[in-house]
Protein backbone atom coordinates (compact mmCIF):
# COMPACT_ATOMS: atom_id res chain seq x y z
CA UNK A 1 -0.62 5.29 -0.58
CA UNK A 2 2.71 4.43 -2.20
CA UNK A 3 2.30 0.85 -3.45
CA UNK A 4 5.56 -0.02 -5.19
CA UNK A 5 4.57 -3.54 -6.27
CA UNK A 6 3.28 -2.43 -9.73
CA UNK A 7 6.53 -0.50 -10.33
CA UNK A 8 8.78 -3.45 -9.66
CA UNK A 9 6.46 -5.93 -11.39
CA UNK A 10 6.78 -3.71 -14.49
CA UNK A 11 10.59 -3.75 -14.25
CA UNK A 12 10.54 -7.52 -13.66
CA UNK A 13 8.36 -8.14 -16.73
CA UNK A 14 10.42 -5.85 -18.96
CA UNK A 15 13.61 -7.61 -17.84
CA UNK A 16 12.04 -10.94 -18.79
CA UNK A 17 11.26 -9.42 -22.20
CA UNK A 18 14.96 -8.42 -22.52
CA UNK A 19 14.14 -4.71 -22.56
CA UNK A 20 16.35 -2.08 -20.94
CA UNK A 21 14.70 0.00 -18.24
CA UNK A 22 15.20 2.88 -15.82
CA UNK A 23 13.93 3.46 -12.31
CA UNK A 24 13.05 7.08 -11.52
CA UNK A 25 12.84 8.14 -7.88
CA UNK A 26 11.50 11.32 -6.33
CA UNK A 27 14.33 12.20 -3.95
CA UNK A 28 13.44 15.73 -2.78
CA UNK A 29 10.58 18.22 -2.82
CA UNK A 30 10.75 22.02 -2.61
CA UNK A 31 7.47 23.69 -1.70
CA UNK A 32 4.29 21.79 -2.50
CA UNK A 33 4.06 18.53 -4.43
CA UNK A 34 1.42 15.95 -5.24
CA UNK A 35 3.84 13.11 -4.37
CA UNK A 36 6.14 12.42 -1.44
CA UNK A 37 9.86 11.61 -1.60
CA UNK A 38 10.36 7.92 -2.28
CA UNK A 39 7.72 7.75 -5.02
CA UNK A 40 8.88 5.88 -8.13
CA UNK A 41 8.22 5.69 -11.84
CA UNK A 42 9.67 3.13 -14.25
CA UNK A 43 10.29 3.44 -17.99
CA UNK A 44 11.31 0.85 -20.57
CA UNK A 45 13.22 1.42 -23.80
CA UNK A 46 10.05 0.76 -25.83
CA UNK A 47 8.57 3.96 -24.31
CA UNK A 48 6.16 2.22 -21.96
CA UNK A 49 6.00 3.56 -18.42
CA UNK A 50 4.25 3.13 -15.09
CA UNK A 51 3.75 5.51 -12.17
CA UNK A 52 3.45 9.29 -11.94
CA UNK A 53 4.84 12.31 -10.11
CA UNK A 54 2.12 14.85 -10.93
CA UNK A 55 -1.32 15.12 -12.40
CA UNK A 56 0.12 14.63 -15.88
CA UNK A 57 2.17 17.83 -16.12
CA UNK A 58 5.64 16.32 -16.36
CA UNK A 59 5.24 12.62 -17.12
CA UNK A 60 5.97 12.95 -20.86
CA UNK A 61 9.16 14.86 -20.05
CA UNK A 62 10.13 12.25 -17.45
CA UNK A 63 9.73 9.47 -20.01
CA UNK A 64 11.83 11.37 -22.55
CA UNK A 65 14.55 11.98 -19.97
CA UNK A 66 14.46 8.33 -18.91
CA UNK A 67 14.91 7.15 -22.49
CA UNK A 68 18.05 9.28 -22.74
CA UNK A 69 19.34 7.77 -19.50
CA UNK A 70 18.64 4.25 -20.78
CA UNK A 71 20.59 5.00 -23.95
CA UNK A 72 23.53 6.59 -22.09
CA UNK A 73 23.64 4.00 -19.30
CA UNK A 74 24.47 6.74 -16.79
CA UNK A 75 22.36 8.04 -13.87
CA UNK A 76 21.09 11.59 -13.83
CA UNK A 77 19.46 13.85 -11.25
CA UNK A 78 17.08 16.40 -12.70
CA UNK A 79 14.79 19.04 -11.24
CA UNK A 80 11.30 19.70 -12.56
CA UNK A 81 9.13 22.64 -11.57
CA UNK A 82 10.47 25.64 -9.63
CA UNK A 83 14.20 26.09 -10.26
CA UNK A 84 14.25 23.67 -13.20
CA UNK A 85 16.18 24.34 -16.41
CA UNK A 86 13.03 23.22 -18.23
CA UNK A 87 11.35 26.62 -18.29
CA UNK A 88 8.29 25.38 -20.15
CA UNK A 89 7.49 22.63 -17.61
CA UNK A 90 5.81 23.80 -14.43
CA UNK A 91 4.02 22.06 -11.61
CA UNK A 92 0.58 23.55 -10.87
CA UNK A 93 1.32 23.48 -7.13
CA UNK A 94 4.25 25.84 -7.75
CA UNK A 95 6.82 23.55 -6.15
CA UNK A 96 9.86 21.74 -7.44
CA UNK A 97 10.85 18.09 -7.40
CA UNK A 98 14.24 16.41 -7.79
CA UNK A 99 14.22 13.10 -9.67
CA UNK A 100 17.00 10.54 -9.75
CA UNK A 101 17.08 8.53 -13.01
CA UNK A 102 18.82 5.18 -12.54
CA UNK A 103 19.38 2.89 -15.55
CA UNK A 104 18.95 -0.75 -14.58
CA UNK A 105 22.29 -2.46 -15.20
CA UNK A 106 21.69 -5.52 -13.01
CA UNK A 107 18.28 -7.23 -13.45
CA UNK A 108 19.12 -9.46 -10.45
CA UNK A 109 18.81 -6.42 -8.18
CA UNK A 110 15.31 -5.79 -9.49
CA UNK A 111 14.40 -9.45 -9.01
CA UNK A 112 15.58 -9.20 -5.42
CA UNK A 113 13.46 -6.11 -4.74
CA UNK A 114 10.44 -7.55 -6.55
CA UNK A 115 10.62 -10.72 -4.46
CA UNK A 116 10.88 -8.79 -1.21
CA UNK A 117 7.93 -6.56 -2.13
CA UNK A 118 5.82 -9.63 -2.97
CA UNK A 119 6.76 -11.11 0.42
CA UNK A 120 5.67 -7.84 2.08
CA UNK A 121 9.02 -7.02 3.62
CA UNK A 122 9.83 -3.46 4.76
CA UNK A 123 12.70 -2.32 2.55
CA UNK A 124 15.58 0.08 2.27
CA UNK A 125 16.60 0.57 -1.36
CA UNK A 126 20.02 2.16 -1.79
CA UNK A 127 20.59 4.14 -4.98
CA UNK A 128 23.81 5.79 -6.16
CA UNK A 129 23.61 9.29 -7.60
CA UNK A 130 26.87 8.72 -9.46
CA UNK A 131 26.52 5.07 -10.49
CA UNK A 132 24.06 2.38 -11.48
CA UNK A 133 24.42 0.25 -8.37
CA UNK A 134 21.11 -0.65 -6.70
CA UNK A 135 21.02 -2.53 -3.41
CA UNK A 136 18.17 -3.61 -1.19
CA UNK A 137 17.90 -4.81 2.39
CA UNK A 138 15.11 -5.65 4.78
CA UNK A 139 15.03 -2.67 7.08
CA UNK A 140 12.27 -2.07 9.58
CA UNK A 141 11.31 1.59 9.73
CA UNK A 142 8.12 3.14 11.14
CA UNK A 143 7.34 4.92 7.87
CA UNK A 144 8.49 5.58 4.34
CA UNK A 145 10.83 8.36 3.31
CA UNK A 146 14.20 9.29 1.84
CA UNK A 147 17.60 9.92 3.38
CA UNK A 148 20.84 11.14 1.79
CA UNK A 149 24.23 9.72 2.71
CA UNK A 150 26.90 11.27 0.52
CA UNK A 151 26.35 10.08 -3.02
CA UNK A 152 23.80 7.53 -1.85
CA UNK A 153 20.03 7.88 -1.65
CA UNK A 154 18.36 5.62 0.92
CA UNK A 155 14.69 5.02 0.13
CA UNK A 156 12.55 3.41 2.85
CA UNK A 157 9.35 1.57 1.97
CA UNK A 158 6.81 -0.21 4.12
CA UNK A 159 4.39 -2.77 2.61
CA UNK A 160 1.16 -1.47 1.15
CA UNK A 161 -2.04 -1.75 3.16
CA UNK A 162 -3.91 -5.04 2.92
CA UNK A 163 -7.42 -5.94 4.07
CA UNK A 164 -8.57 -9.10 5.81
CA UNK A 165 -12.37 -8.94 5.52
CA UNK A 166 -14.38 -11.31 7.71
CA UNK A 167 -18.15 -11.47 7.50
CA UNK A 168 -21.15 -12.02 5.29
CA UNK A 169 -23.64 -9.97 3.33
CA UNK A 170 -23.37 -7.42 0.50
CA UNK A 171 -21.08 -5.11 2.50
CA UNK A 172 -18.24 -7.61 2.04
CA UNK A 173 -18.68 -7.57 -1.72
CA UNK A 174 -18.90 -3.76 -1.79
CA UNK A 175 -15.70 -3.36 0.21
CA UNK A 176 -13.77 -5.84 -1.94
CA UNK A 177 -14.87 -4.06 -5.12
CA UNK A 178 -14.03 -0.61 -3.80
CA UNK A 179 -10.72 -1.56 -2.21
CA UNK A 180 -9.41 -3.49 -5.20
CA UNK A 181 -10.31 -0.64 -7.56
CA UNK A 182 -8.29 1.65 -5.25
CA UNK A 183 -5.38 -0.79 -5.43
CA UNK A 184 -5.59 -2.49 -2.03
CA UNK A 185 -5.23 -6.26 -1.85
CA UNK A 186 -8.07 -8.07 -0.06
CA UNK A 187 -8.44 -11.50 1.53
CA UNK A 188 -11.94 -12.63 2.49
CA UNK A 189 -13.06 -15.14 5.13
CA UNK A 190 -16.79 -15.84 5.20
CA UNK A 191 -19.17 -18.61 6.31
CA UNK A 192 -21.36 -17.79 3.28
CA UNK A 193 -20.48 -19.74 0.10
CA UNK A 194 -22.34 -17.15 -2.01
CA UNK A 195 -20.05 -14.37 -0.75
CA UNK A 196 -16.96 -16.47 -1.46
CA UNK A 197 -18.17 -17.13 -5.00
CA UNK A 198 -19.00 -13.45 -5.56
CA UNK A 199 -15.57 -12.10 -4.51
CA UNK A 200 -13.29 -14.88 -5.72
CA UNK A 201 -12.35 -13.13 -8.97
CA UNK A 202 -11.40 -9.87 -7.23
CA UNK A 203 -9.94 -10.92 -3.88
CA UNK A 204 -6.42 -12.33 -3.67
CA UNK A 205 -7.84 -15.03 -1.39
CA UNK A 206 -11.38 -16.09 -0.53
CA UNK A 207 -11.84 -18.91 1.97
CA UNK A 208 -14.95 -20.46 3.49
CA UNK A 209 -15.17 -20.36 7.29
CA UNK A 210 -16.63 -23.61 8.59
CA UNK A 211 -16.58 -22.79 12.30
CA UNK A 212 -16.47 -19.54 14.34
CA UNK A 213 -13.12 -20.52 15.84
CA UNK A 214 -9.63 -19.10 15.43
CA UNK A 215 -8.12 -20.14 12.11
CA UNK A 216 -4.64 -20.19 10.55
CA UNK A 217 -6.28 -18.55 7.51
CA UNK A 218 -6.28 -15.30 9.53
CA UNK A 219 -2.63 -14.27 9.82
CA UNK A 220 -2.33 -10.47 9.45
CA UNK A 221 1.00 -8.69 9.34
CA UNK A 222 1.59 -5.18 10.79
CA UNK A 223 0.37 -3.55 7.55
CA UNK A 224 -2.95 -5.42 7.44
CA UNK A 225 -6.37 -4.16 8.55
CA UNK A 226 -8.93 -6.65 9.88
CA UNK A 227 -12.54 -5.76 9.06
CA UNK A 228 -15.47 -7.54 10.74
CA UNK A 229 -18.77 -7.38 8.82
CA UNK A 230 -20.75 -10.05 10.68
CA UNK A 231 -24.48 -9.64 11.17
CA UNK A 232 -24.51 -12.89 13.15
CA UNK A 233 -22.25 -11.86 16.04
CA UNK A 234 -21.85 -15.46 17.21
CA UNK A 235 -19.12 -15.68 14.56
CA UNK A 236 -17.09 -12.82 16.01
CA UNK A 237 -15.59 -13.57 19.40
CA UNK A 238 -12.77 -16.05 18.74
CA UNK A 239 -11.82 -14.47 15.42
CA UNK A 240 -11.77 -10.97 16.94
CA UNK A 241 -9.59 -12.23 19.78
CA UNK A 242 -7.20 -13.65 17.20
CA UNK A 243 -7.13 -10.35 15.26
CA UNK A 244 -6.62 -8.27 18.40
CA UNK A 245 -3.72 -10.48 19.48
CA UNK A 246 -2.11 -10.05 16.04
CA UNK A 247 0.12 -7.14 14.87
CA UNK A 248 -2.64 -5.82 12.54
CA UNK A 249 -2.54 -2.01 12.50
CA UNK A 250 -6.35 -1.72 12.43
CA UNK A 251 -9.19 -3.90 13.75
CA UNK A 252 -12.71 -2.62 13.20
CA UNK A 253 -16.27 -3.95 13.34
CA UNK A 254 -19.69 -2.79 12.27
CA UNK A 255 -22.67 -2.57 14.60
CA UNK A 256 -24.39 -0.15 16.92
CA UNK A 257 -22.87 1.29 20.09
CA UNK A 258 -24.96 -1.14 22.13
CA UNK A 259 -23.73 -4.01 19.97
CA UNK A 260 -20.19 -2.89 20.60
CA UNK A 261 -20.75 -2.64 24.35
CA UNK A 262 -21.98 -6.25 24.32
CA UNK A 263 -18.99 -7.20 22.17
CA UNK A 264 -16.52 -5.71 24.62
CA UNK A 265 -18.08 -7.77 27.40
CA UNK A 266 -17.86 -11.10 25.60
CA UNK A 267 -14.29 -10.31 24.51
CA UNK A 268 -13.43 -9.69 28.17
CA UNK A 269 -15.12 -12.98 29.09
CA UNK A 270 -12.81 -14.92 26.73
CA UNK A 271 -9.62 -13.31 28.04
CA UNK A 272 -9.05 -10.25 25.85
CA UNK A 273 -7.37 -7.56 27.97
CA UNK A 274 -8.71 -4.04 28.32
CA UNK A 275 -5.69 -2.78 26.36
CA UNK A 276 -6.40 -5.12 23.46
CA UNK A 277 -10.15 -4.43 23.57
CA UNK A 278 -9.36 -0.73 23.26
CA UNK A 279 -7.75 -1.44 19.86
CA UNK A 280 -11.15 -2.32 18.41
CA UNK A 281 -12.64 0.49 16.31
CA UNK A 282 -16.43 0.36 16.42
CA UNK A 283 -18.81 1.43 15.12
CA UNK A 284 -16.58 1.17 12.04
CA UNK A 285 -16.00 3.94 9.50
CA UNK A 286 -15.81 7.70 9.19
CA UNK A 287 -19.48 8.25 8.30
CA UNK A 288 -21.76 7.82 11.35
CA UNK A 289 -24.79 5.51 11.32
CA UNK A 290 -23.99 4.10 7.88
CA UNK A 291 -26.43 1.40 6.82
CA UNK A 292 -26.31 0.75 3.07
CA UNK A 293 -23.48 -1.55 1.91
CA UNK A 294 -21.82 0.80 -0.58
CA UNK A 295 -21.60 3.70 1.86
CA UNK A 296 -20.42 1.43 4.66
CA UNK A 297 -17.64 0.16 2.39
CA UNK A 298 -16.61 3.70 1.46
CA UNK A 299 -16.73 4.79 5.10
CA UNK A 300 -14.61 1.80 6.16
CA UNK A 301 -12.02 2.14 3.40
CA UNK A 302 -11.55 5.86 4.08
CA UNK A 303 -10.94 5.17 7.77
CA UNK A 304 -8.49 2.34 7.05
CA UNK A 305 -6.50 4.46 4.57
CA UNK A 306 -6.40 7.39 7.01
CA UNK A 307 -5.20 5.10 9.79
CA UNK A 308 -2.54 3.52 7.55
CA UNK A 309 -1.16 6.92 6.56
CA UNK A 310 -1.19 8.07 10.17
CA UNK A 311 0.87 5.03 11.20
CA UNK A 312 3.18 4.61 8.22
CA UNK A 313 2.91 7.60 5.90
CA UNK A 314 5.75 9.97 5.08
CA UNK A 315 6.20 12.90 7.43
CA UNK A 316 8.45 15.81 6.53
């Protein structure tokens, strides 16, 4: 998953520290590669960097090249791997990647991008292969990727996956811990104060549910997955209806097949259409009959990530 928030937070923080920086963008791949076009790194003049394009094979060379670009103030497009002038630098996959190094001349452009990423807007970043101009616009695309238009490189990004986790019990805590360590932002809604207290330091939001009714606290965007981990299914119906009527790309719930059959009936009884009921993924997860909290969390996260990439991931 290509989460660009850390890249642009790094550039934002370095600009505040009055350090010069460069944005490096993977603009083309020949053969195999561990990263897709549109992936970024960022480097500051103090030698600090964030992001990667390989398993560690070329990052030192990328930083060195970026420092030269920062000093020169001019963009540069360089190939690494197959076909590169750097004969001693090879990618283990045998492919080649083209990187565009763009020195940051206008911190306001980075502030604009950083703000849009924080607001979870789908973006098109326009880079110039021959200049330092960087522009950004909200641009709804079904997936990420890179286009070329003359001297311009158009890089499309969709917001990173986010989890809305509703429920109680140790599975909620396990999923928050696993997802945040993977780099996915989580918001938790639970009727259990102990769960809220346990996840508050890791989740971006943790709110106590006082009634099993629809709530403005549940407001998923198209890049959000809604996870239902309720053992007491009386809490589910209205909140599931709200999630299924939302643009969330994934709605899933734990429970047996019989539990899910009962769930589909009470969702129908409260006005959820057959089409919307069919959006519900249950029993949740890729690993069948999962019972312990840690494995359920792993099974759920793997399914959510697979679904996100199927909907929004780069396709050649």
